[in-house]
Amino acid sequence: MRRNEESETYDESKIKTLSSLEHIRLRTGMYIGRIGNGSDPDDGIYVLVKEVIDNAVDEYIMGHGKKIEIEIETGAVNVRDYGRGIPLGKLVECVSVINTGAKYNDEVFQFSVGLNGVGIKAVNALSKSFRVITYREGKYAEAIFQRGNQVGKTKKGKASGEPDGTRVQFTPDDEIFGDYSFELDFLEQRLWNYSCLNNGLQLFLNGKKFVSKGGLLDLLRRE
């Protein structure tokens, strides 16, 4: 039986080049593992939260910022850290262009728990809405995205009285994650682990505080 001639055709027209954004959305599992709907602690929506928190923890590890605030309401996530903040002029690139970041520079980040050059970009690409604000030395820059594409122009201005750091707000894309929901118990366990592995770091989830004085000993006792 002869195969369909169309299916046998393999030429230049069949070769596709995807942008980084398209690749993340088409091959989501390569970046965040399983997708799921939030019913399992390894589901993708928790990986998105982890990637944002990892960046904040990296700031703490480098001696900048002792507090991370996380708020989750009706499927939307809001994370505020008090680190150095993303350089204002590179805000858009740092959250949307793969392989862009300071974690390749050992003078800036000697240690890192986040995905170098990928993590926050994957969060952006896989979010229905994504907003990032960076505060540095009394100034701010703000950018808004939808499914990884910037909406409007980057805003910049004065931020008098606002401590340095970064705020990331995102809503996972229901086109990818379907009818998802966050289980706070899963997130609380993750935050407890963060606090035990980073003595003195204060994490807040919807106002609930997580901090460890005993470090790994606290973690072992809890287990």
N, C-alpha and C. Protein backbone atom coordinates (compact mmCIF):
# COMPACT_ATOMS: atom_id res chain seq x y z
N MET A 1 0.86 -1.20 0.00
CA MET A 1 0.00 0.00 0.00
C MET A 1 0.89 1.24 0.00
N ARG A 2 0.65 2.13 -0.96
CA ARG A 2 1.47 3.33 -1.08
C ARG A 2 1.05 4.38 -0.06
N ARG A 3 2.03 4.94 0.64
CA ARG A 3 1.71 6.00 1.60
C ARG A 3 1.31 7.27 0.86
N ASN A 4 0.59 8.08 1.57
CA ASN A 4 0.19 9.36 1.00
C ASN A 4 1.42 10.18 0.64
N GLU A 5 1.47 10.66 -0.60
CA GLU A 5 2.65 11.39 -1.04
C GLU A 5 2.89 12.64 -0.21
N GLU A 6 1.82 13.26 0.23
CA GLU A 6 1.95 14.48 1.03
C GLU A 6 2.68 14.20 2.33
N SER A 7 2.37 13.05 2.97
CA SER A 7 2.99 12.71 4.24
C SER A 7 4.46 12.35 4.07
N GLU A 8 4.84 11.93 2.82
CA GLU A 8 6.22 11.55 2.59
C GLU A 8 7.11 12.75 2.31
N THR A 9 6.50 13.87 1.98
CA THR A 9 7.27 15.05 1.63
C THR A 9 8.00 15.61 2.85
N TYR A 10 9.32 15.67 2.74
CA TYR A 10 10.13 16.22 3.83
C TYR A 10 11.11 17.20 3.19
N ASP A 11 10.74 18.49 3.23
CA ASP A 11 11.58 19.50 2.61
C ASP A 11 11.65 20.74 3.49
N GLU A 12 12.19 21.83 2.95
CA GLU A 12 12.37 23.05 3.73
C GLU A 12 11.07 23.56 4.33
N SER A 13 9.96 23.32 3.65
CA SER A 13 8.68 23.85 4.12
C SER A 13 8.21 23.19 5.42
N LYS A 14 8.78 22.03 5.75
CA LYS A 14 8.37 21.31 6.96
C LYS A 14 9.20 21.70 8.18
N ILE A 15 10.24 22.49 7.97
CA ILE A 15 11.11 22.89 9.07
C ILE A 15 10.56 24.13 9.74
N LYS A 16 10.39 24.07 11.06
CA LYS A 16 9.86 25.21 11.81
C LYS A 16 10.89 25.72 12.81
N THR A 17 10.94 27.02 12.95
CA THR A 17 11.76 27.64 13.99
C THR A 17 10.82 28.38 14.93
N LEU A 18 10.80 27.95 16.18
CA LEU A 18 9.93 28.57 17.17
C LEU A 18 10.69 29.64 17.95
N SER A 19 9.99 30.70 18.30
CA SER A 19 10.57 31.66 19.23
C SER A 19 10.64 31.01 20.61
N SER A 20 11.42 31.60 21.50
CA SER A 20 11.51 31.06 22.87
C SER A 20 10.14 31.00 23.52
N LEU A 21 9.35 32.05 23.32
CA LEU A 21 8.00 32.11 23.88
C LEU A 21 7.14 30.98 23.33
N GLU A 22 7.16 30.79 22.02
CA GLU A 22 6.36 29.73 21.41
C GLU A 22 6.80 28.36 21.90
N HIS A 23 8.10 28.18 22.07
CA HIS A 23 8.61 26.88 22.50
C HIS A 23 8.16 26.57 23.92
N ILE A 24 8.20 27.56 24.80
CA ILE A 24 7.77 27.35 26.19
C ILE A 24 6.29 26.95 26.22
N ARG A 25 5.48 27.63 25.44
CA ARG A 25 4.04 27.35 25.47
C ARG A 25 3.70 26.03 24.77
N LEU A 26 4.47 25.68 23.74
CA LEU A 26 4.19 24.44 23.01
C LEU A 26 4.76 23.22 23.72
N ARG A 27 5.91 23.38 24.36
CA ARG A 27 6.58 22.27 25.04
C ARG A 27 6.72 22.60 26.53
N THR A 28 5.59 22.89 27.13
CA THR A 28 5.55 23.35 28.52
C THR A 28 6.26 22.39 29.47
N GLY A 29 6.07 21.10 29.27
CA GLY A 29 6.65 20.10 30.17
C GLY A 29 8.15 20.15 30.26
N MET A 30 8.83 20.62 29.22
CA MET A 30 10.28 20.72 29.24
C MET A 30 10.75 21.74 30.27
N TYR A 31 9.89 22.70 30.60
CA TYR A 31 10.28 23.80 31.47
C TYR A 31 9.75 23.65 32.89
N ILE A 32 8.56 23.08 33.04
CA ILE A 32 7.98 23.01 34.39
C ILE A 32 7.55 21.60 34.77
N GLY A 33 7.85 20.60 33.97
CA GLY A 33 7.44 19.24 34.31
C GLY A 33 5.96 19.03 34.01
N ARG A 34 5.28 18.34 34.91
CA ARG A 34 3.86 18.05 34.70
C ARG A 34 3.02 19.32 34.78
N ILE A 35 1.93 19.33 34.06
CA ILE A 35 1.06 20.51 34.06
C ILE A 35 0.07 20.42 35.21
N GLY A 36 -0.84 19.48 35.17
CA GLY A 36 -1.78 19.27 36.28
C GLY A 36 -2.73 20.44 36.48
N ASN A 37 -3.52 20.33 37.57
CA ASN A 37 -4.50 21.38 37.88
C ASN A 37 -4.38 21.90 39.30
N GLY A 38 -3.29 21.54 39.98
CA GLY A 38 -3.09 22.01 41.35
C GLY A 38 -3.42 20.99 42.41
N SER A 39 -3.88 19.81 42.00
CA SER A 39 -4.25 18.78 42.97
C SER A 39 -3.06 17.98 43.46
N ASP A 40 -1.90 18.18 42.85
CA ASP A 40 -0.67 17.48 43.25
C ASP A 40 0.42 18.52 43.51
N PRO A 41 1.23 18.34 44.55
CA PRO A 41 2.26 19.36 44.88
C PRO A 41 3.30 19.55 43.79
N ASP A 42 3.40 18.61 42.84
CA ASP A 42 4.36 18.75 41.75
C ASP A 42 3.75 19.37 40.49
N ASP A 43 2.50 19.78 40.56
CA ASP A 43 1.84 20.37 39.39
C ASP A 43 2.49 21.70 39.01
N GLY A 44 2.33 22.05 37.74
CA GLY A 44 3.03 23.20 37.17
C GLY A 44 2.76 24.53 37.84
N ILE A 45 1.56 24.76 38.33
CA ILE A 45 1.27 26.06 38.93
C ILE A 45 2.15 26.31 40.15
N TYR A 46 2.52 25.25 40.86
CA TYR A 46 3.40 25.41 42.02
C TYR A 46 4.84 25.67 41.58
N VAL A 47 5.21 25.13 40.42
CA VAL A 47 6.54 25.40 39.87
C VAL A 47 6.65 26.87 39.49
N LEU A 48 5.57 27.44 38.96
CA LEU A 48 5.58 28.86 38.62
C LEU A 48 5.82 29.71 39.86
N VAL A 49 5.11 29.39 40.93
CA VAL A 49 5.30 30.13 42.19
C VAL A 49 6.73 29.95 42.68
N LYS A 50 7.23 28.72 42.61
CA LYS A 50 8.59 28.43 43.07
C LYS A 50 9.62 29.26 42.32
N GLU A 51 9.48 29.38 41.01
CA GLU A 51 10.46 30.12 40.23
C GLU A 51 10.54 31.58 40.66
N VAL A 52 9.39 32.18 40.96
CA VAL A 52 9.39 33.57 41.41
C VAL A 52 10.02 33.68 42.80
N ILE A 53 9.65 32.77 43.70
CA ILE A 53 10.21 32.81 45.05
C ILE A 53 11.71 32.53 45.02
N ASP A 54 12.14 31.62 44.15
CA ASP A 54 13.57 31.31 44.05
C ASP A 54 14.40 32.56 43.78
N ASN A 55 13.90 33.43 42.91
CA ASN A 55 14.62 34.67 42.62
C ASN A 55 14.74 35.54 43.86
N ALA A 56 13.67 35.58 44.66
CA ALA A 56 13.70 36.35 45.89
C ALA A 56 14.65 35.73 46.91
N VAL A 57 14.66 34.40 46.99
CA VAL A 57 15.58 33.70 47.89
C VAL A 57 17.02 33.95 47.48
N ASP A 58 17.29 33.99 46.19
CA ASP A 58 18.64 34.29 45.71
C ASP A 58 19.11 35.64 46.23
N GLU A 59 18.22 36.61 46.27
CA GLU A 59 18.58 37.92 46.81
C GLU A 59 18.95 37.81 48.29
N TYR A 60 18.17 37.03 49.03
CA TYR A 60 18.46 36.84 50.45
C TYR A 60 19.82 36.17 50.63
N ILE A 61 20.09 35.14 49.83
CA ILE A 61 21.36 34.43 49.93
C ILE A 61 22.54 35.37 49.70
N MET A 62 22.34 36.35 48.83
CA MET A 62 23.40 37.31 48.53
C MET A 62 23.41 38.48 49.50
N GLY A 63 22.59 38.39 50.55
CA GLY A 63 22.62 39.40 51.61
C GLY A 63 21.72 40.59 51.39
N HIS A 64 20.69 40.44 50.56
CA HIS A 64 19.80 41.57 50.25
C HIS A 64 18.35 41.18 50.49
N GLY A 65 17.74 41.77 51.52
CA GLY A 65 16.33 41.50 51.78
C GLY A 65 16.11 40.30 52.66
N LYS A 66 15.39 40.48 53.75
CA LYS A 66 15.15 39.39 54.69
C LYS A 66 13.69 38.95 54.71
N LYS A 67 12.89 39.52 53.82
CA LYS A 67 11.45 39.24 53.88
C LYS A 67 10.90 39.03 52.47
N ILE A 68 10.03 38.02 52.34
CA ILE A 68 9.33 37.76 51.08
C ILE A 68 7.85 37.61 51.40
N GLU A 69 7.02 38.37 50.72
CA GLU A 69 5.58 38.34 50.96
C GLU A 69 4.88 37.71 49.75
N ILE A 70 4.07 36.70 50.02
CA ILE A 70 3.33 36.01 48.95
C ILE A 70 1.84 36.09 49.27
N GLU A 71 1.07 36.50 48.30
CA GLU A 71 -0.38 36.52 48.45
C GLU A 71 -1.00 35.76 47.29
N ILE A 72 -1.95 34.91 47.62
CA ILE A 72 -2.65 34.13 46.59
C ILE A 72 -4.15 34.26 46.82
N GLU A 73 -4.84 34.72 45.77
CA GLU A 73 -6.28 34.92 45.89
C GLU A 73 -6.93 34.67 44.53
N THR A 74 -7.94 33.83 44.53
CA THR A 74 -8.71 33.49 43.32
C THR A 74 -7.80 33.19 42.12
N GLY A 75 -6.78 32.39 42.37
CA GLY A 75 -5.92 31.93 41.28
C GLY A 75 -4.82 32.87 40.88
N ALA A 76 -4.75 34.06 41.48
CA ALA A 76 -3.71 35.03 41.15
C ALA A 76 -2.64 35.03 42.23
N VAL A 77 -1.39 35.25 41.82
CA VAL A 77 -0.24 35.20 42.73
C VAL A 77 0.44 36.56 42.75
N ASN A 78 0.83 37.00 43.95
CA ASN A 78 1.52 38.27 44.13
C ASN A 78 2.72 38.03 45.04
N VAL A 79 3.92 38.27 44.54
CA VAL A 79 5.14 38.04 45.32
C VAL A 79 5.94 39.34 45.38
N ARG A 80 6.26 39.76 46.60
CA ARG A 80 7.06 40.98 46.80
C ARG A 80 8.30 40.63 47.61
N ASP A 81 9.47 40.94 47.05
CA ASP A 81 10.70 40.76 47.82
C ASP A 81 11.33 42.12 48.08
N TYR A 82 12.33 42.13 48.94
CA TYR A 82 12.98 43.38 49.33
C TYR A 82 14.48 43.31 49.07
N GLY A 83 14.81 42.72 47.92
CA GLY A 83 16.20 42.63 47.50
C GLY A 83 16.65 43.89 46.78
N ARG A 84 17.54 43.73 45.83
CA ARG A 84 18.10 44.88 45.13
C ARG A 84 17.20 45.42 44.03
N GLY A 85 16.24 44.62 43.60
CA GLY A 85 15.41 45.02 42.48
C GLY A 85 16.13 44.79 41.16
N ILE A 86 15.38 44.55 40.11
CA ILE A 86 15.95 44.37 38.78
C ILE A 86 16.37 45.74 38.24
N PRO A 87 17.55 45.86 37.64
CA PRO A 87 17.94 47.15 37.04
C PRO A 87 16.84 47.67 36.11
N LEU A 88 16.45 48.93 36.31
CA LEU A 88 15.28 49.48 35.63
C LEU A 88 15.37 49.36 34.11
N GLY A 89 16.54 49.60 33.56
CA GLY A 89 16.69 49.61 32.11
C GLY A 89 16.67 48.24 31.47
N LYS A 90 16.73 47.18 32.28
CA LYS A 90 16.75 45.81 31.75
C LYS A 90 15.55 44.99 32.22
N LEU A 91 14.54 45.66 32.74
CA LEU A 91 13.40 44.95 33.32
C LEU A 91 12.73 44.02 32.30
N VAL A 92 12.38 44.54 31.15
CA VAL A 92 11.64 43.74 30.16
C VAL A 92 12.46 42.55 29.70
N GLU A 93 13.75 42.77 29.40
CA GLU A 93 14.60 41.67 28.95
C GLU A 93 14.72 40.59 30.01
N CYS A 94 14.83 41.00 31.27
CA CYS A 94 15.05 40.04 32.36
C CYS A 94 13.85 39.14 32.61
N VAL A 95 12.66 39.57 32.21
CA VAL A 95 11.48 38.74 32.45
C VAL A 95 10.89 38.14 31.18
N SER A 96 11.50 38.42 30.02
CA SER A 96 10.88 37.94 28.78
C SER A 96 11.84 37.37 27.75
N VAL A 97 13.13 37.59 27.90
CA VAL A 97 14.10 37.11 26.91
C VAL A 97 14.94 35.99 27.52
N ILE A 98 14.80 34.79 26.97
CA ILE A 98 15.52 33.62 27.48
C ILE A 98 17.02 33.87 27.48
N ASN A 99 17.69 33.33 28.50
CA ASN A 99 19.15 33.42 28.65
C ASN A 99 19.62 34.85 28.87
N THR A 100 18.75 35.66 29.50
CA THR A 100 19.12 37.00 29.91
C THR A 100 19.03 37.08 31.42
N GLY A 101 20.08 37.55 32.08
CA GLY A 101 20.05 37.68 33.53
C GLY A 101 21.43 37.88 34.08
N ALA A 102 21.49 38.17 35.39
CA ALA A 102 22.78 38.42 36.05
C ALA A 102 23.35 37.18 36.71
N LYS A 103 22.63 36.05 36.64
CA LYS A 103 23.10 34.85 37.34
C LYS A 103 24.22 34.15 36.61
N TYR A 104 24.58 34.67 35.44
CA TYR A 104 25.77 34.17 34.75
C TYR A 104 27.02 34.88 35.25
N ASN A 105 26.82 35.93 36.05
CA ASN A 105 27.92 36.75 36.54
C ASN A 105 28.16 36.43 38.01
N ASP A 106 29.27 35.76 38.31
CA ASP A 106 29.54 35.33 39.69
C ASP A 106 29.76 36.51 40.63
N GLU A 107 30.05 37.68 40.09
CA GLU A 107 30.24 38.85 40.95
C GLU A 107 28.90 39.34 41.50
N VAL A 108 27.82 39.01 40.81
CA VAL A 108 26.49 39.46 41.23
C VAL A 108 25.76 38.37 41.99
N PHE A 109 25.80 37.12 41.49
CA PHE A 109 25.17 35.98 42.14
C PHE A 109 26.19 34.86 42.26
N GLN A 110 26.76 34.71 43.46
CA GLN A 110 27.72 33.63 43.68
C GLN A 110 27.01 32.30 43.87
N PHE A 111 25.77 32.36 44.36
CA PHE A 111 24.95 31.17 44.55
C PHE A 111 23.57 31.45 43.99
N SER A 112 22.92 30.42 43.49
CA SER A 112 21.61 30.62 42.89
C SER A 112 20.79 29.34 43.00
N VAL A 113 19.51 29.49 43.38
CA VAL A 113 18.61 28.34 43.41
C VAL A 113 17.66 28.36 42.23
N GLY A 114 17.53 29.50 41.57
CA GLY A 114 16.61 29.62 40.44
C GLY A 114 17.21 29.09 39.15
N LEU A 115 16.36 28.94 38.13
CA LEU A 115 16.82 28.49 36.81
C LEU A 115 17.49 29.65 36.10
N ASN A 116 18.78 29.55 35.87
CA ASN A 116 19.52 30.64 35.23
C ASN A 116 18.94 31.00 33.87
N GLY A 117 18.42 32.24 33.78
CA GLY A 117 17.99 32.75 32.49
C GLY A 117 16.68 32.21 31.96
N VAL A 118 16.00 31.33 32.69
CA VAL A 118 14.79 30.70 32.17
C VAL A 118 13.59 30.90 33.08
N GLY A 119 13.73 30.68 34.38
CA GLY A 119 12.61 30.57 35.30
C GLY A 119 11.52 31.60 35.17
N ILE A 120 11.86 32.88 35.39
CA ILE A 120 10.83 33.91 35.39
C ILE A 120 10.24 34.10 33.99
N LYS A 121 11.03 33.81 32.95
CA LYS A 121 10.51 33.93 31.58
C LYS A 121 9.44 32.87 31.32
N ALA A 122 9.64 31.68 31.87
CA ALA A 122 8.64 30.62 31.73
C ALA A 122 7.36 31.01 32.45
N VAL A 123 7.49 31.62 33.63
CA VAL A 123 6.31 32.08 34.36
C VAL A 123 5.55 33.09 33.52
N ASN A 124 6.27 34.02 32.94
CA ASN A 124 5.66 35.05 32.10
C ASN A 124 4.94 34.41 30.91
N ALA A 125 5.62 33.52 30.20
CA ALA A 125 5.05 32.91 29.00
C ALA A 125 3.82 32.07 29.30
N LEU A 126 3.76 31.49 30.50
CA LEU A 126 2.67 30.58 30.85
C LEU A 126 1.58 31.25 31.69
N SER A 127 1.61 32.58 31.73
CA SER A 127 0.62 33.32 32.51
C SER A 127 -0.33 34.09 31.61
N LYS A 128 -1.60 34.04 31.97
CA LYS A 128 -2.61 34.82 31.24
C LYS A 128 -2.33 36.30 31.39
N SER A 129 -1.91 36.69 32.59
CA SER A 129 -1.49 38.06 32.85
C SER A 129 -0.26 38.03 33.75
N PHE A 130 0.66 38.95 33.50
CA PHE A 130 1.92 38.98 34.24
C PHE A 130 2.33 40.45 34.38
N ARG A 131 2.58 40.86 35.61
CA ARG A 131 2.96 42.25 35.89
C ARG A 131 4.18 42.24 36.79
N VAL A 132 5.18 43.02 36.44
CA VAL A 132 6.39 43.08 37.24
C VAL A 132 6.74 44.55 37.49
N ILE A 133 7.10 44.84 38.73
CA ILE A 133 7.53 46.18 39.11
C ILE A 133 8.85 46.04 39.86
N THR A 134 9.83 46.84 39.48
CA THR A 134 11.10 46.85 40.19
C THR A 134 11.31 48.22 40.82
N TYR A 135 11.79 48.21 42.05
CA TYR A 135 12.05 49.44 42.79
C TYR A 135 13.54 49.52 43.11
N ARG A 136 14.14 50.64 42.74
CA ARG A 136 15.57 50.83 43.02
C ARG A 136 15.85 52.30 43.28
N GLU A 137 16.36 52.56 44.47
CA GLU A 137 16.84 53.89 44.83
C GLU A 137 15.81 54.98 44.56
N GLY A 138 14.57 54.74 44.99
CA GLY A 138 13.53 55.75 44.87
C GLY A 138 12.89 55.86 43.50
N LYS A 139 13.22 54.95 42.59
CA LYS A 139 12.61 54.94 41.26
C LYS A 139 11.99 53.57 40.98
N TYR A 140 11.11 53.52 39.99
CA TYR A 140 10.49 52.24 39.65
C TYR A 140 10.37 52.09 38.14
N ALA A 141 10.23 50.85 37.73
CA ALA A 141 9.86 50.52 36.34
C ALA A 141 8.82 49.42 36.41
N GLU A 142 7.85 49.48 35.52
CA GLU A 142 6.74 48.51 35.53
C GLU A 142 6.44 48.05 34.11
N ALA A 143 6.23 46.75 33.96
CA ALA A 143 5.88 46.20 32.65
C ALA A 143 4.76 45.18 32.82
N ILE A 144 3.84 45.13 31.87
CA ILE A 144 2.70 44.23 31.90
C ILE A 144 2.73 43.35 30.65
N PHE A 145 2.42 42.08 30.84
CA PHE A 145 2.45 41.11 29.74
C PHE A 145 1.17 40.27 29.75
N GLN A 146 0.84 39.74 28.60
CA GLN A 146 -0.21 38.74 28.48
C GLN A 146 0.34 37.57 27.66
N ARG A 147 0.38 36.41 28.30
CA ARG A 147 0.93 35.20 27.65
C ARG A 147 2.31 35.46 27.04
N GLY A 148 3.12 36.22 27.78
CA GLY A 148 4.50 36.47 27.39
C GLY A 148 4.72 37.66 26.50
N ASN A 149 3.66 38.27 25.99
CA ASN A 149 3.79 39.43 25.10
C ASN A 149 3.51 40.71 25.87
N GLN A 150 4.41 41.68 25.74
CA GLN A 150 4.23 42.91 26.49
C GLN A 150 3.03 43.69 25.97
N VAL A 151 2.30 44.25 26.92
CA VAL A 151 1.12 45.07 26.62
C VAL A 151 1.45 46.51 26.97
N GLY A 152 1.43 47.39 26.00
CA GLY A 152 1.76 48.78 26.27
C GLY A 152 3.25 48.99 26.49
N LYS A 153 3.59 50.19 26.89
CA LYS A 153 4.99 50.54 27.10
C LYS A 153 5.39 50.36 28.56
N THR A 154 6.67 50.24 28.79
CA THR A 154 7.19 50.15 30.15
C THR A 154 7.03 51.49 30.84
N LYS A 155 6.47 51.47 32.04
CA LYS A 155 6.30 52.70 32.82
C LYS A 155 7.51 52.90 33.73
N LYS A 156 7.91 54.15 33.88
CA LYS A 156 9.01 54.49 34.79
C LYS A 156 8.67 55.77 35.52
N GLY A 157 9.17 55.89 36.74
CA GLY A 157 8.91 57.10 37.50
C GLY A 157 9.52 57.04 38.88
N LYS A 158 9.09 57.96 39.73
CA LYS A 158 9.60 58.01 41.09
C LYS A 158 8.78 57.07 41.98
N ALA A 159 9.44 56.51 42.97
CA ALA A 159 8.77 55.61 43.92
C ALA A 159 9.21 56.00 45.33
N SER A 160 8.92 57.22 45.68
CA SER A 160 9.37 57.75 46.97
C SER A 160 8.83 56.91 48.12
N GLY A 161 9.74 56.51 49.02
CA GLY A 161 9.34 55.77 50.21
C GLY A 161 9.14 54.29 49.99
N GLU A 162 9.23 53.82 48.75
CA GLU A 162 9.05 52.39 48.47
C GLU A 162 10.40 51.69 48.58
N PRO A 163 10.52 50.69 49.46
CA PRO A 163 11.79 49.99 49.61
C PRO A 163 12.22 49.30 48.32
N ASP A 164 13.53 49.17 48.13
CA ASP A 164 14.04 48.45 46.96
C ASP A 164 13.49 47.03 46.93
N GLY A 165 13.41 46.48 45.74
CA GLY A 165 12.94 45.10 45.60
C GLY A 165 12.13 44.92 44.34
N THR A 166 11.46 43.80 44.26
CA THR A 166 10.70 43.44 43.06
C THR A 166 9.33 42.89 43.45
N ARG A 167 8.33 43.26 42.69
CA ARG A 167 6.98 42.70 42.85
C ARG A 167 6.58 42.00 41.54
N VAL A 168 6.15 40.76 41.67
CA VAL A 168 5.68 40.00 40.51
C VAL A 168 4.26 39.54 40.78
N GLN A 169 3.36 39.86 39.88
CA GLN A 169 1.97 39.43 39.97
C GLN A 169 1.63 38.64 38.70
N PHE A 170 1.08 37.46 38.87
CA PHE A 170 0.73 36.68 37.68
C PHE A 170 -0.47 35.78 37.93
N THR A 171 -1.15 35.47 36.85
CA THR A 171 -2.27 34.53 36.87
C THR A 171 -1.97 33.44 35.84
N PRO A 172 -1.79 32.20 36.29
CA PRO A 172 -1.51 31.11 35.34
C PRO A 172 -2.55 31.04 34.23
N ASP A 173 -2.12 30.68 33.05
CA ASP A 173 -2.98 30.66 31.87
C ASP A 173 -3.89 29.43 31.89
N ASP A 174 -5.20 29.68 31.94
CA ASP A 174 -6.14 28.55 31.97
C ASP A 174 -6.20 27.83 30.63
N GLU A 175 -5.66 28.42 29.57
CA GLU A 175 -5.56 27.70 28.30
C GLU A 175 -4.59 26.53 28.42
N ILE A 176 -3.66 26.64 29.35
CA ILE A 176 -2.66 25.59 29.57
C ILE A 176 -3.01 24.73 30.78
N PHE A 177 -3.38 25.39 31.88
CA PHE A 177 -3.59 24.67 33.14
C PHE A 177 -5.04 24.29 33.40
N GLY A 178 -5.94 24.74 32.53
CA GLY A 178 -7.34 24.38 32.69
C GLY A 178 -7.96 24.99 33.94
N ASP A 179 -8.88 24.26 34.54
CA ASP A 179 -9.58 24.72 35.74
C ASP A 179 -8.74 24.38 36.96
N TYR A 180 -7.72 25.17 37.20
CA TYR A 180 -6.76 24.89 38.28
C TYR A 180 -7.17 25.60 39.57
N SER A 181 -6.57 25.18 40.67
CA SER A 181 -6.73 25.88 41.95
C SER A 181 -5.51 25.58 42.81
N PHE A 182 -5.14 26.54 43.64
CA PHE A 182 -4.00 26.39 44.53
C PHE A 182 -4.43 25.75 45.85
N GLU A 183 -3.68 24.75 46.29
CA GLU A 183 -3.87 24.16 47.62
C GLU A 183 -2.84 24.81 48.54
N LEU A 184 -3.31 25.61 49.48
CA LEU A 184 -2.38 26.36 50.34
C LEU A 184 -1.51 25.44 51.18
N ASP A 185 -1.99 24.25 51.51
CA ASP A 185 -1.18 23.31 52.29
C ASP A 185 0.11 22.96 51.56
N PHE A 186 0.02 22.78 50.25
CA PHE A 186 1.22 22.46 49.46
C PHE A 186 2.21 23.62 49.51
N LEU A 187 1.69 24.83 49.39
CA LEU A 187 2.55 26.00 49.40
C LEU A 187 3.15 26.24 50.77
N GLU A 188 2.38 25.99 51.82
CA GLU A 188 2.90 26.18 53.17
C GLU A 188 4.06 25.24 53.44
N GLN A 189 3.96 24.00 52.98
CA GLN A 189 5.06 23.05 53.16
C GLN A 189 6.31 23.53 52.44
N ARG A 190 6.14 24.06 51.25
CA ARG A 190 7.28 24.55 50.48
C ARG A 190 7.93 25.75 51.19
N LEU A 191 7.10 26.64 51.73
CA LEU A 191 7.64 27.82 52.41
C LEU A 191 8.35 27.42 53.70
N TRP A 192 7.82 26.43 54.38
CA TRP A 192 8.50 25.93 55.58
C TRP A 192 9.87 25.39 55.21
N ASN A 193 9.97 24.68 54.12
CA ASN A 193 11.27 24.16 53.66
C ASN A 193 12.23 25.30 53.35
N TYR A 194 11.72 26.32 52.65
CA TYR A 194 12.56 27.49 52.35
C TYR A 194 13.12 28.10 53.63
N SER A 195 12.25 28.27 54.63
CA SER A 195 12.68 28.93 55.86
C SER A 195 13.72 28.12 56.61
N CYS A 196 13.58 26.80 56.60
CA CYS A 196 14.55 25.94 57.30
C CYS A 196 15.89 25.90 56.58
N LEU A 197 15.87 26.05 55.28
CA LEU A 197 17.11 26.02 54.51
C LEU A 197 17.78 27.39 54.44
N ASN A 198 17.08 28.42 54.93
CA ASN A 198 17.61 29.78 54.89
C ASN A 198 17.32 30.47 56.22
N ASN A 199 18.16 30.18 57.20
CA ASN A 199 17.97 30.71 58.55
C ASN A 199 17.76 32.22 58.54
N GLY A 200 16.71 32.66 59.22
CA GLY A 200 16.47 34.09 59.36
C GLY A 200 15.59 34.68 58.29
N LEU A 201 15.39 33.98 57.19
CA LEU A 201 14.52 34.47 56.12
C LEU A 201 13.07 34.41 56.59
N GLN A 202 12.35 35.51 56.43
CA GLN A 202 10.94 35.57 56.80
C GLN A 202 10.08 35.49 55.54
N LEU A 203 9.20 34.52 55.51
CA LEU A 203 8.27 34.37 54.39
C LEU A 203 6.85 34.49 54.92
N PHE A 204 6.01 35.15 54.15
CA PHE A 204 4.62 35.33 54.54
C PHE A 204 3.72 34.84 53.41
N LEU A 205 2.76 34.01 53.75
CA LEU A 205 1.76 33.54 52.79
C LEU A 205 0.39 33.98 53.26
N ASN A 206 -0.19 34.94 52.57
CA ASN A 206 -1.49 35.51 52.98
C ASN A 206 -1.45 35.93 54.44
N GLY A 207 -0.32 36.49 54.86
CA GLY A 207 -0.16 37.00 56.21
C GLY A 207 0.40 36.02 57.21
N LYS A 208 0.42 34.74 56.90
CA LYS A 208 0.96 33.72 57.80
C LYS A 208 2.47 33.68 57.67
N LYS A 209 3.15 33.75 58.81
CA LYS A 209 4.62 33.88 58.82
C LYS A 209 5.31 32.52 58.92
N PHE A 210 6.39 32.38 58.14
CA PHE A 210 7.23 31.19 58.18
C PHE A 210 8.67 31.65 58.40
N VAL A 211 9.25 31.25 59.52
CA VAL A 211 10.64 31.60 59.82
C VAL A 211 11.23 30.51 60.70
N SER A 212 12.49 30.21 60.48
CA SER A 212 13.15 29.15 61.25
C SER A 212 14.39 29.70 61.93
N LYS A 213 14.57 29.33 63.19
CA LYS A 213 15.78 29.69 63.92
C LYS A 213 16.75 28.52 63.99
N GLY A 214 16.19 27.30 63.91
CA GLY A 214 17.03 26.11 64.04
C GLY A 214 17.51 25.54 62.72
N GLY A 215 17.01 26.08 61.61
CA GLY A 215 17.45 25.62 60.30
C GLY A 215 17.10 24.17 60.02
N LEU A 216 18.08 23.41 59.58
CA LEU A 216 17.85 22.01 59.21
C LEU A 216 17.34 21.19 60.38
N LEU A 217 17.75 21.55 61.59
CA LEU A 217 17.26 20.84 62.77
C LEU A 217 15.75 20.98 62.89
N ASP A 218 15.25 22.18 62.62
CA ASP A 218 13.79 22.38 62.63
C ASP A 218 13.11 21.51 61.58
N LEU A 219 13.74 21.41 60.43
CA LEU A 219 13.17 20.60 59.35
C LEU A 219 13.12 19.13 59.74
N LEU A 220 14.19 18.64 60.35
CA LEU A 220 14.24 17.24 60.77
C LEU A 220 13.21 16.96 61.86
N ARG A 221 13.06 17.89 62.77
CA ARG A 221 12.07 17.72 63.84
C ARG A 221 10.66 17.66 63.27
N ARG A 222 10.41 18.49 62.28
CA ARG A 222 9.08 18.53 61.68
C ARG A 222 8.78 17.25 60.91
N GLU A 223 9.82 16.73 60.22
CA GLU A 223 9.64 15.50 59.46
C GLU A 223 9.38 14.32 60.40
